[in-house]
Amino acid sequence: MVIAETILKEKPSINIRVSRTIYHWPTLKTVLMVEKALQEADGPLSMEGLKRALPKKIMDQTLRLVLAYLENRGSIIIGSKGIVWIENNDPRFLKMLEKAKVIEV
């Protein structure tokens, strides 16, 4: 319960209400399933669109916890048009970021 409150207090950009009792925690399998569905999506997905894209049903509370975790990690952006995967692990991209000049203001 303390972990969920910490995750959700850090970034309030997703509309999640956490009650004192969390009935179902996401498993690693659930998190990976949501990640895969978001990575394979062609564009932004709404919550309902994401639920339809998943191969198995998932509780709403569990899905919201997974999305809060992924947003906190910086893998997704939740905007007005939907949820989009943004994480980029391409070695060329990461190398370019390392070589990028930092402009101090």
PDB file of N, CA and C in Angstrom:
ATOM      1  N   MET A   1       0.829  -1.186   0.000  1.00  0.00           N
ATOM      2  CA  MET A   1       0.000   0.000   0.000  1.00  0.00           C
ATOM      3  C   MET A   1       0.874   1.251   0.000  1.00  0.00           C
ATOM      4  N   VAL A   2       1.953   1.257   0.751  1.00  0.00           N
ATOM      5  CA  VAL A   2       2.825   2.416   0.822  1.00  0.00           C
ATOM      6  C   VAL A   2       3.512   2.642  -0.518  1.00  0.00           C
ATOM      7  N   ILE A   3       3.903   1.568  -1.201  1.00  0.00           N
ATOM      8  CA  ILE A   3       4.565   1.680  -2.497  1.00  0.00           C
ATOM      9  C   ILE A   3       3.641   2.331  -3.512  1.00  0.00           C
ATOM     10  N   ALA A   4       2.402   1.909  -3.571  1.00  0.00           N
ATOM     11  CA  ALA A   4       1.455   2.479  -4.530  1.00  0.00           C
ATOM     12  C   ALA A   4       1.228   3.948  -4.257  1.00  0.00           C
ATOM     13  N   GLU A   5       1.110   4.327  -3.017  1.00  0.00           N
ATOM     14  CA  GLU A   5       0.901   5.729  -2.690  1.00  0.00           C
ATOM     15  C   GLU A   5       2.115   6.557  -3.080  1.00  0.00           C
ATOM     16  N   THR A   6       3.325   6.009  -2.893  1.00  0.00           N
ATOM     17  CA  THR A   6       4.540   6.722  -3.272  1.00  0.00           C
ATOM     18  C   THR A   6       4.606   6.896  -4.776  1.00  0.00           C
ATOM     19  N   ILE A   7       4.324   5.847  -5.537  1.00  0.00           N
ATOM     20  CA  ILE A   7       4.359   5.906  -6.994  1.00  0.00           C
ATOM     21  C   ILE A   7       3.347   6.929  -7.490  1.00  0.00           C
ATOM     22  N   LEU A   8       2.166   6.910  -6.945  1.00  0.00           N
ATOM     23  CA  LEU A   8       1.108   7.760  -7.444  1.00  0.00           C
ATOM     24  C   LEU A   8       1.228   9.203  -6.973  1.00  0.00           C
ATOM     25  N   LYS A   9       1.936   9.463  -5.894  1.00  0.00           N
ATOM     26  CA  LYS A   9       2.102  10.835  -5.428  1.00  0.00           C
ATOM     27  C   LYS A   9       3.189  11.562  -6.215  1.00  0.00           C
ATOM     28  N   GLU A  10       4.143  10.830  -6.791  1.00  0.00           N
ATOM     29  CA  GLU A  10       5.247  11.458  -7.498  1.00  0.00           C
ATOM     30  C   GLU A  10       4.793  12.164  -8.765  1.00  0.00           C
ATOM     31  N   LYS A  11       3.901  11.564  -9.536  1.00  0.00           N
ATOM     32  CA  LYS A  11       3.430  12.152 -10.788  1.00  0.00           C
ATOM     33  C   LYS A  11       1.909  12.089 -10.814  1.00  0.00           C
ATOM     34  N   PRO A  12       1.244  13.174 -10.542  1.00  0.00           N
ATOM     35  CA  PRO A  12      -0.213  13.158 -10.503  1.00  0.00           C
ATOM     36  C   PRO A  12      -0.861  13.352 -11.866  1.00  0.00           C
ATOM     37  N   SER A  13      -0.142  13.116 -12.975  1.00  0.00           N
ATOM     38  CA  SER A  13      -0.700  13.392 -14.290  1.00  0.00           C
ATOM     39  C   SER A  13      -1.734  12.359 -14.739  1.00  0.00           C
ATOM     40  N   ILE A  14      -1.735  11.171 -14.165  1.00  0.00           N
ATOM     41  CA  ILE A  14      -2.742  10.170 -14.521  1.00  0.00           C
ATOM     42  C   ILE A  14      -3.839  10.202 -13.458  1.00  0.00           C
ATOM     43  N   ASN A  15      -5.063  10.068 -13.904  1.00  0.00           N
ATOM     44  CA  ASN A  15      -6.199  10.154 -12.996  1.00  0.00           C
ATOM     45  C   ASN A  15      -6.382   8.819 -12.288  1.00  0.00           C
ATOM     46  N   ILE A  16      -5.725   8.671 -11.143  1.00  0.00           N
ATOM     47  CA  ILE A  16      -5.822   7.433 -10.373  1.00  0.00           C
ATOM     48  C   ILE A  16      -6.180   7.789  -8.939  1.00  0.00           C
ATOM     49  N   ARG A  17      -7.211   7.167  -8.466  1.00  0.00           N
ATOM     50  CA  ARG A  17      -7.582   7.315  -7.069  1.00  0.00           C
ATOM     51  C   ARG A  17      -7.238   6.015  -6.377  1.00  0.00           C
ATOM     52  N   VAL A  18      -6.412   6.090  -5.365  1.00  0.00           N
ATOM     53  CA  VAL A  18      -6.006   4.891  -4.637  1.00  0.00           C
ATOM     54  C   VAL A  18      -6.733   4.862  -3.315  1.00  0.00           C
ATOM     55  N   SER A  19      -7.500   3.817  -3.134  1.00  0.00           N
ATOM     56  CA  SER A  19      -8.151   3.646  -1.844  1.00  0.00           C
ATOM     57  C   SER A  19      -7.120   3.064  -0.879  1.00  0.00           C
ATOM     58  N   ARG A  20      -7.459   2.985   0.335  1.00  0.00           N
ATOM     59  CA  ARG A  20      -6.534   2.429   1.319  1.00  0.00           C
ATOM     60  C   ARG A  20      -6.276   0.943   1.076  1.00  0.00           C
ATOM     61  N   THR A  21      -7.198   0.268   0.429  1.00  0.00           N
ATOM     62  CA  THR A  21      -7.046  -1.151   0.187  1.00  0.00           C
ATOM     63  C   THR A  21      -6.889  -1.410  -1.299  1.00  0.00           C
ATOM     64  N   ILE A  22      -5.753  -1.962  -1.685  1.00  0.00           N
ATOM     65  CA  ILE A  22      -5.553  -2.369  -3.064  1.00  0.00           C
ATOM     66  C   ILE A  22      -5.816  -3.867  -3.102  1.00  0.00           C
ATOM     67  N   TYR A  23      -6.825  -4.244  -3.874  1.00  0.00           N
ATOM     68  CA  TYR A  23      -7.277  -5.624  -3.871  1.00  0.00           C
ATOM     69  C   TYR A  23      -6.455  -6.540  -4.761  1.00  0.00           C
ATOM     70  N   HIS A  24      -5.833  -5.976  -5.787  1.00  0.00           N
ATOM     71  CA  HIS A  24      -5.103  -6.835  -6.709  1.00  0.00           C
ATOM     72  C   HIS A  24      -3.872  -6.112  -7.217  1.00  0.00           C
ATOM     73  N   TRP A  25      -2.701  -6.634  -6.894  1.00  0.00           N
ATOM     74  CA  TRP A  25      -1.450  -6.061  -7.357  1.00  0.00           C
ATOM     75  C   TRP A  25      -1.072  -6.667  -8.698  1.00  0.00           C
ATOM     76  N   PRO A  26      -0.465  -5.889  -9.591  1.00  0.00           N
ATOM     77  CA  PRO A  26      -0.060  -6.443 -10.881  1.00  0.00           C
ATOM     78  C   PRO A  26       1.134  -7.383 -10.729  1.00  0.00           C
ATOM     79  N   THR A  27       1.137  -8.432 -11.518  1.00  0.00           N
ATOM     80  CA  THR A  27       2.272  -9.347 -11.547  1.00  0.00           C
ATOM     81  C   THR A  27       3.216  -8.908 -12.662  1.00  0.00           C
ATOM     82  N   LEU A  28       4.394  -9.488 -12.692  1.00  0.00           N
ATOM     83  CA  LEU A  28       5.346  -9.167 -13.757  1.00  0.00           C
ATOM     84  C   LEU A  28       4.763  -9.525 -15.119  1.00  0.00           C
ATOM     85  N   LYS A  29       4.043 -10.623 -15.176  1.00  0.00           N
ATOM     86  CA  LYS A  29       3.415 -11.050 -16.429  1.00  0.00           C
ATOM     87  C   LYS A  29       2.429  -9.984 -16.925  1.00  0.00           C
ATOM     88  N   THR A  30       1.686  -9.388 -16.025  1.00  0.00           N
ATOM     89  CA  THR A  30       0.720  -8.353 -16.391  1.00  0.00           C
ATOM     90  C   THR A  30       1.424  -7.103 -16.900  1.00  0.00           C
ATOM     91  N   VAL A  31       2.490  -6.694 -16.214  1.00  0.00           N
ATOM     92  CA  VAL A  31       3.235  -5.501 -16.628  1.00  0.00           C
ATOM     93  C   VAL A  31       3.825  -5.716 -18.022  1.00  0.00           C
ATOM     94  N   LEU A  32       4.415  -6.890 -18.266  1.00  0.00           N
ATOM     95  CA  LEU A  32       4.998  -7.185 -19.576  1.00  0.00           C
ATOM     96  C   LEU A  32       3.928  -7.244 -20.661  1.00  0.00           C
ATOM     97  N   MET A  33       2.754  -7.754 -20.329  1.00  0.00           N
ATOM     98  CA  MET A  33       1.662  -7.833 -21.288  1.00  0.00           C
ATOM     99  C   MET A  33       1.208  -6.424 -21.705  1.00  0.00           C
ATOM    100  N   VAL A  34       1.106  -5.512 -20.746  1.00  0.00           N
ATOM    101  CA  VAL A  34       0.704  -4.133 -21.042  1.00  0.00           C
ATOM    102  C   VAL A  34       1.799  -3.433 -21.847  1.00  0.00           C
ATOM    103  N   GLU A  35       3.062  -3.637 -21.470  1.00  0.00           N
ATOM    104  CA  GLU A  35       4.175  -3.040 -22.210  1.00  0.00           C
ATOM    105  C   GLU A  35       4.158  -3.478 -23.673  1.00  0.00           C
ATOM    106  N   LYS A  36       3.972  -4.764 -23.898  1.00  0.00           N
ATOM    107  CA  LYS A  36       3.973  -5.295 -25.267  1.00  0.00           C
ATOM    108  C   LYS A  36       2.825  -4.704 -26.082  1.00  0.00           C
ATOM    109  N   ALA A  37       1.648  -4.605 -25.487  1.00  0.00           N
ATOM    110  CA  ALA A  37       0.496  -4.040 -26.201  1.00  0.00           C
ATOM    111  C   ALA A  37       0.744  -2.579 -26.570  1.00  0.00           C
ATOM    112  N   LEU A  38       1.366  -1.817 -25.676  1.00  0.00           N
ATOM    113  CA  LEU A  38       1.644  -0.413 -25.960  1.00  0.00           C
ATOM    114  C   LEU A  38       2.745  -0.255 -27.007  1.00  0.00           C
ATOM    115  N   GLN A  39       3.757  -1.124 -26.958  1.00  0.00           N
ATOM    116  CA  GLN A  39       4.845  -1.060 -27.939  1.00  0.00           C
ATOM    117  C   GLN A  39       4.356  -1.385 -29.341  1.00  0.00           C
ATOM    118  N   GLU A  40       3.427  -2.310 -29.457  1.00  0.00           N
ATOM    119  CA  GLU A  40       2.938  -2.745 -30.762  1.00  0.00           C
ATOM    120  C   GLU A  40       1.826  -1.858 -31.317  1.00  0.00           C
ATOM    121  N   ALA A  41       1.348  -0.926 -30.523  1.00  0.00           N
ATOM    122  CA  ALA A  41       0.259  -0.048 -30.978  1.00  0.00           C
ATOM    123  C   ALA A  41       0.781   0.939 -32.025  1.00  0.00           C
ATOM    124  N   ASP A  42      -0.068   1.258 -33.003  1.00  0.00           N
ATOM    125  CA  ASP A  42       0.308   2.180 -34.065  1.00  0.00           C
ATOM    126  C   ASP A  42       0.240   3.648 -33.633  1.00  0.00           C
ATOM    127  N   GLY A  43      -0.591   3.940 -32.667  1.00  0.00           N
ATOM    128  CA  GLY A  43      -0.762   5.313 -32.218  1.00  0.00           C
ATOM    129  C   GLY A  43      -1.240   5.329 -30.784  1.00  0.00           C
ATOM    130  N   PRO A  44      -1.713   6.469 -30.334  1.00  0.00           N
ATOM    131  CA  PRO A  44      -2.216   6.558 -28.958  1.00  0.00           C
ATOM    132  C   PRO A  44      -3.415   5.647 -28.729  1.00  0.00           C
ATOM    133  N   LEU A  45      -3.446   5.024 -27.581  1.00  0.00           N
ATOM    134  CA  LEU A  45      -4.562   4.151 -27.200  1.00  0.00           C
ATOM    135  C   LEU A  45      -5.293   4.744 -26.008  1.00  0.00           C
ATOM    136  N   SER A  46      -6.606   4.689 -26.049  1.00  0.00           N
ATOM    137  CA  SER A  46      -7.385   5.076 -24.876  1.00  0.00           C
ATOM    138  C   SER A  46      -7.346   3.914 -23.887  1.00  0.00           C
ATOM    139  N   MET A  47      -7.864   4.135 -22.700  1.00  0.00           N
ATOM    140  CA  MET A  47      -7.906   3.053 -21.702  1.00  0.00           C
ATOM    141  C   MET A  47      -8.702   1.874 -22.243  1.00  0.00           C
ATOM    142  N   GLU A  48      -9.854   2.150 -22.848  1.00  0.00           N
ATOM    143  CA  GLU A  48     -10.685   1.068 -23.389  1.00  0.00           C
ATOM    144  C   GLU A  48     -10.002   0.393 -24.577  1.00  0.00           C
ATOM    145  N   GLY A  49      -9.320   1.186 -25.414  1.00  0.00           N
ATOM    146  CA  GLY A  49      -8.587   0.613 -26.539  1.00  0.00           C
ATOM    147  C   GLY A  49      -7.458  -0.283 -26.072  1.00  0.00           C
ATOM    148  N   LEU A  50      -6.789   0.115 -24.996  1.00  0.00           N
ATOM    149  CA  LEU A  50      -5.725  -0.702 -24.431  1.00  0.00           C
ATOM    150  C   LEU A  50      -6.283  -2.002 -23.866  1.00  0.00           C
ATOM    151  N   LYS A  51      -7.420  -1.917 -23.188  1.00  0.00           N
ATOM    152  CA  LYS A  51      -8.038  -3.133 -22.645  1.00  0.00           C
ATOM    153  C   LYS A  51      -8.398  -4.104 -23.765  1.00  0.00           C
ATOM    154  N   ARG A  52      -8.885  -3.573 -24.904  1.00  0.00           N
ATOM    155  CA  ARG A  52      -9.224  -4.445 -26.038  1.00  0.00           C
ATOM    156  C   ARG A  52      -7.984  -5.034 -26.683  1.00  0.00           C
ATOM    157  N   ALA A  53      -6.849  -4.320 -26.629  1.00  0.00           N
ATOM    158  CA  ALA A  53      -5.614  -4.794 -27.252  1.00  0.00           C
ATOM    159  C   ALA A  53      -4.917  -5.869 -26.422  1.00  0.00           C
ATOM    160  N   LEU A  54      -5.274  -5.970 -25.159  1.00  0.00           N
ATOM    161  CA  LEU A  54      -4.634  -6.968 -24.298  1.00  0.00           C
ATOM    162  C   LEU A  54      -5.193  -8.356 -24.578  1.00  0.00           C
ATOM    163  N   PRO A  55      -4.332  -9.377 -24.552  1.00  0.00           N
ATOM    164  CA  PRO A  55      -4.804 -10.737 -24.828  1.00  0.00           C
ATOM    165  C   PRO A  55      -5.671 -11.326 -23.708  1.00  0.00           C
ATOM    166  N   LYS A  56      -5.523 -10.833 -22.484  1.00  0.00           N
ATOM    167  CA  LYS A  56      -6.320 -11.310 -21.355  1.00  0.00           C
ATOM    168  C   LYS A  56      -6.975 -10.120 -20.678  1.00  0.00           C
ATOM    169  N   LYS A  57      -8.085 -10.371 -19.995  1.00  0.00           N
ATOM    170  CA  LYS A  57      -8.751  -9.303 -19.260  1.00  0.00           C
ATOM    171  C   LYS A  57      -7.910  -8.923 -18.048  1.00  0.00           C
ATOM    172  N   ILE A  58      -8.038  -7.644 -17.673  1.00  0.00           N
ATOM    173  CA  ILE A  58      -7.285  -7.132 -16.542  1.00  0.00           C
ATOM    174  C   ILE A  58      -8.202  -6.198 -15.751  1.00  0.00           C
ATOM    175  N   MET A  59      -8.081  -6.242 -14.432  1.00  0.00           N
ATOM    176  CA  MET A  59      -8.891  -5.366 -13.593  1.00  0.00           C
ATOM    177  C   MET A  59      -8.487  -3.911 -13.818  1.00  0.00           C
ATOM    178  N   ASP A  60      -9.449  -3.003 -13.750  1.00  0.00           N
ATOM    179  CA  ASP A  60      -9.191  -1.588 -13.990  1.00  0.00           C
ATOM    180  C   ASP A  60      -8.169  -1.028 -13.012  1.00  0.00           C
ATOM    181  N   GLN A  61      -8.302  -1.378 -11.746  1.00  0.00           N
ATOM    182  CA  GLN A  61      -7.372  -0.897 -10.728  1.00  0.00           C
ATOM    183  C   GLN A  61      -5.954  -1.378 -11.012  1.00  0.00           C
ATOM    184  N   THR A  62      -5.817  -2.624 -11.448  1.00  0.00           N
ATOM    185  CA  THR A  62      -4.507  -3.183 -11.765  1.00  0.00           C
ATOM    186  C   THR A  62      -3.900  -2.484 -12.967  1.00  0.00           C
ATOM    187  N   LEU A  63      -4.699  -2.235 -13.995  1.00  0.00           N
ATOM    188  CA  LEU A  63      -4.210  -1.546 -15.182  1.00  0.00           C
ATOM    189  C   LEU A  63      -3.751  -0.136 -14.841  1.00  0.00           C
ATOM    190  N   ARG A  64      -4.486   0.555 -14.005  1.00  0.00           N
ATOM    191  CA  ARG A  64      -4.101   1.912 -13.624  1.00  0.00           C
ATOM    192  C   ARG A  64      -2.798   1.922 -12.825  1.00  0.00           C
ATOM    193  N   LEU A  65      -2.584   0.925 -11.982  1.00  0.00           N
ATOM    194  CA  LEU A  65      -1.321   0.829 -11.252  1.00  0.00           C
ATOM    195  C   LEU A  65      -0.154   0.570 -12.205  1.00  0.00           C
ATOM    196  N   VAL A  66      -0.355  -0.291 -13.191  1.00  0.00           N
ATOM    197  CA  VAL A  66       0.690  -0.570 -14.174  1.00  0.00           C
ATOM    198  C   VAL A  66       1.011   0.697 -14.969  1.00  0.00           C
ATOM    199  N   LEU A  67      -0.017   1.421 -15.401  1.00  0.00           N
ATOM    200  CA  LEU A  67       0.200   2.648 -16.168  1.00  0.00           C
ATOM    201  C   LEU A  67       0.914   3.709 -15.333  1.00  0.00           C
ATOM    202  N   ALA A  68       0.574   3.818 -14.057  1.00  0.00           N
ATOM    203  CA  ALA A  68       1.253   4.774 -13.181  1.00  0.00           C
ATOM    204  C   ALA A  68       2.729   4.403 -13.040  1.00  0.00           C
ATOM    205  N   TYR A  69       3.018   3.110 -12.915  1.00  0.00           N
ATOM    206  CA  TYR A  69       4.401   2.643 -12.823  1.00  0.00           C
ATOM    207  C   TYR A  69       5.167   2.953 -14.105  1.00  0.00           C
ATOM    208  N   LEU A  70       4.572   2.647 -15.260  1.00  0.00           N
ATOM    209  CA  LEU A  70       5.252   2.887 -16.540  1.00  0.00           C
ATOM    210  C   LEU A  70       5.461   4.374 -16.796  1.00  0.00           C
ATOM    211  N   GLU A  71       4.509   5.200 -16.400  1.00  0.00           N
ATOM    212  CA  GLU A  71       4.665   6.643 -16.573  1.00  0.00           C
ATOM    213  C   GLU A  71       5.752   7.182 -15.649  1.00  0.00           C
ATOM    214  N   ASN A  72       5.792   6.688 -14.433  1.00  0.00           N
ATOM    215  CA  ASN A  72       6.805   7.107 -13.474  1.00  0.00           C
ATOM    216  C   ASN A  72       8.201   6.699 -13.953  1.00  0.00           C
ATOM    217  N   ARG A  73       8.299   5.565 -14.618  1.00  0.00           N
ATOM    218  CA  ARG A  73       9.570   5.060 -15.154  1.00  0.00           C
ATOM    219  C   ARG A  73       9.997   5.803 -16.416  1.00  0.00           C
ATOM    220  N   GLY A  74       9.074   6.507 -17.056  1.00  0.00           N
ATOM    221  CA  GLY A  74       9.396   7.256 -18.257  1.00  0.00           C
ATOM    222  C   GLY A  74       9.223   6.466 -19.538  1.00  0.00           C
ATOM    223  N   SER A  75       8.468   5.382 -19.493  1.00  0.00           N
ATOM    224  CA  SER A  75       8.268   4.549 -20.676  1.00  0.00           C
ATOM    225  C   SER A  75       7.062   4.975 -21.495  1.00  0.00           C
ATOM    226  N   ILE A  76       6.096   5.632 -20.859  1.00  0.00           N
ATOM    227  CA  ILE A  76       4.884   6.040 -21.565  1.00  0.00           C
ATOM    228  C   ILE A  76       4.557   7.492 -21.241  1.00  0.00           C
ATOM    229  N   ILE A  77       3.731   8.059 -22.092  1.00  0.00           N
ATOM    230  CA  ILE A  77       3.150   9.377 -21.833  1.00  0.00           C
ATOM    231  C   ILE A  77       1.643   9.210 -21.897  1.00  0.00           C
ATOM    232  N   ILE A  78       0.961   9.758 -20.924  1.00  0.00           N
ATOM    233  CA  ILE A  78      -0.494   9.717 -20.908  1.00  0.00           C
ATOM    234  C   ILE A  78      -0.975  11.135 -21.181  1.00  0.00           C
ATOM    235  N   GLY A  79      -1.556  11.319 -22.360  1.00  0.00           N
ATOM    236  CA  GLY A  79      -2.012  12.642 -22.767  1.00  0.00           C
ATOM    237  C   GLY A  79      -3.502  12.663 -23.010  1.00  0.00           C
ATOM    238  N   SER A  80      -3.961  13.763 -23.574  1.00  0.00           N
ATOM    239  CA  SER A  80      -5.393  13.918 -23.819  1.00  0.00           C
ATOM    240  C   SER A  80      -5.882  12.997 -24.928  1.00  0.00           C
ATOM    241  N   LYS A  81      -5.005  12.602 -25.843  1.00  0.00           N
ATOM    242  CA  LYS A  81      -5.411  11.720 -26.937  1.00  0.00           C
ATOM    243  C   LYS A  81      -5.217  10.247 -26.621  1.00  0.00           C
ATOM    244  N   GLY A  82      -4.555   9.926 -25.527  1.00  0.00           N
ATOM    245  CA  GLY A  82      -4.380   8.538 -25.154  1.00  0.00           C
ATOM    246  C   GLY A  82      -3.017   8.264 -24.549  1.00  0.00           C
ATOM    247  N   ILE A  83      -2.658   6.988 -24.560  1.00  0.00           N
ATOM    248  CA  ILE A  83      -1.431   6.494 -23.951  1.00  0.00           C
ATOM    249  C   ILE A  83      -0.484   6.081 -25.073  1.00  0.00           C
ATOM    250  N   VAL A  84       0.774   6.557 -25.011  1.00  0.00           N
ATOM    251  CA  VAL A  84       1.746   6.285 -26.067  1.00  0.00           C
ATOM    252  C   VAL A  84       3.046   5.791 -25.449  1.00  0.00           C
ATOM    253  N   TRP A  85       3.632   4.768 -26.069  1.00  0.00           N
ATOM    254  CA  TRP A  85       4.937   4.239 -25.666  1.00  0.00           C
ATOM    255  C   TRP A  85       6.015   5.157 -26.218  1.00  0.00           C
ATOM    256  N   ILE A  86       6.955   5.610 -25.370  1.00  0.00           N
ATOM    257  CA  ILE A  86       7.987   6.543 -25.828  1.00  0.00           C
ATOM    258  C   ILE A  86       9.407   6.062 -25.575  1.00  0.00           C
ATOM    259  N   GLU A  87       9.586   4.976 -24.857  1.00  0.00           N
ATOM    260  CA  GLU A  87      10.929   4.516 -24.497  1.00  0.00           C
ATOM    261  C   GLU A  87      11.695   4.107 -25.748  1.00  0.00           C
ATOM    262  N   ASN A  88      12.951   4.519 -25.840  1.00  0.00           N
ATOM    263  CA  ASN A  88      13.791   4.212 -26.989  1.00  0.00           C
ATOM    264  C   ASN A  88      15.098   3.608 -26.493  1.00  0.00           C
ATOM    265  N   ASN A  89      15.341   2.328 -26.800  1.00  0.00           N
ATOM    266  CA  ASN A  89      16.548   1.642 -26.362  1.00  0.00           C
ATOM    267  C   ASN A  89      17.514   1.382 -27.508  1.00  0.00           C
ATOM    268  N   ASP A  90      17.359   2.075 -28.618  1.00  0.00           N
ATOM    269  CA  ASP A  90      18.242   1.899 -29.761  1.00  0.00           C
ATOM    270  C   ASP A  90      19.653   2.347 -29.371  1.00  0.00           C
ATOM    271  N   PRO A  91      20.678   1.493 -29.544  1.00  0.00           N
ATOM    272  CA  PRO A  91      22.038   1.863 -29.141  1.00  0.00           C
ATOM    273  C   PRO A  91      22.551   3.125 -29.837  1.00  0.00           C
ATOM    274  N   ARG A  92      22.177   3.330 -31.096  1.00  0.00           N
ATOM    275  CA  ARG A  92      22.620   4.528 -31.815  1.00  0.00           C
ATOM    276  C   ARG A  92      22.030   5.783 -31.174  1.00  0.00           C
ATOM    277  N   PHE A  93      20.770   5.703 -30.774  1.00  0.00           N
ATOM    278  CA  PHE A  93      20.114   6.840 -30.137  1.00  0.00           C
ATOM    279  C   PHE A  93      20.763   7.157 -28.791  1.00  0.00           C
ATOM    280  N   LEU A  94      21.036   6.109 -27.994  1.00  0.00           N
ATOM    281  CA  LEU A  94      21.655   6.317 -26.687  1.00  0.00           C
ATOM    282  C   LEU A  94      23.069   6.882 -26.830  1.00  0.00           C
ATOM    283  N   LYS A  95      23.805   6.425 -27.839  1.00  0.00           N
ATOM    284  CA  LYS A  95      25.150   6.935 -28.085  1.00  0.00           C
ATOM    285  C   LYS A  95      25.097   8.417 -28.487  1.00  0.00           C
ATOM    286  N   MET A  96      24.093   8.765 -29.292  1.00  0.00           N
ATOM    287  CA  MET A  96      23.927  10.147 -29.709  1.00  0.00           C
ATOM    288  C   MET A  96      23.640  11.038 -28.491  1.00  0.00           C
ATOM    289  N   LEU A  97      22.825  10.544 -27.559  1.00  0.00           N
ATOM    290  CA  LEU A  97      22.534  11.328 -26.361  1.00  0.00           C
ATOM    291  C   LEU A  97      23.779  11.543 -25.495  1.00  0.00           C
ATOM    292  N   GLU A  98      24.646  10.523 -25.449  1.00  0.00           N
ATOM    293  CA  GLU A  98      25.869  10.646 -24.665  1.00  0.00           C
ATOM    294  C   GLU A  98      26.793  11.712 -25.262  1.00  0.00           C
ATOM    295  N   LYS A  99      26.826  11.801 -26.587  1.00  0.00           N
ATOM    296  CA  LYS A  99      27.697  12.749 -27.271  1.00  0.00           C
ATOM    297  C   LYS A  99      27.079  14.144 -27.395  1.00  0.00           C
ATOM    298  N   ALA A 100      25.817  14.268 -27.074  1.00  0.00           N
ATOM    299  CA  ALA A 100      25.123  15.558 -27.241  1.00  0.00           C
ATOM    300  C   ALA A 100      25.726  16.628 -26.349  1.00  0.00           C
ATOM    301  N   LYS A 101      25.780  17.825 -26.872  1.00  0.00           N
ATOM    302  CA  LYS A 101      26.306  18.942 -26.098  1.00  0.00           C
ATOM    303  C   LYS A 101      25.230  19.433 -25.144  1.00  0.00           C
ATOM    304  N   VAL A 102      25.663  19.802 -23.961  1.00  0.00           N
ATOM    305  CA  VAL A 102      24.756  20.335 -22.951  1.00  0.00           C
ATOM    306  C   VAL A 102      24.851  21.850 -22.981  1.00  0.00           C
ATOM    307  N   ILE A 103      23.735  22.504 -23.122  1.00  0.00           N
ATOM    308  CA  ILE A 103      23.694  23.964 -23.136  1.00  0.00           C
ATOM    309  C   ILE A 103      23.210  24.422 -21.771  1.00  0.00           C
ATOM    310  N   GLU A 104      24.085  25.140 -21.083  1.00  0.00           N
ATOM    311  CA  GLU A 104      23.723  25.633 -19.766  1.00  0.00           C
ATOM    312  C   GLU A 104      23.165  27.042 -19.889  1.00  0.00           C
ATOM    313  N   VAL A 105      22.118  27.297 -19.173  1.00  0.00           N
ATOM    314  CA  VAL A 105      21.476  28.607 -19.225  1.00  0.00           C
ATOM    315  C   VAL A 105      21.691  29.332 -17.926  1.00  0.00           C
TER     316      VAL A 105
END
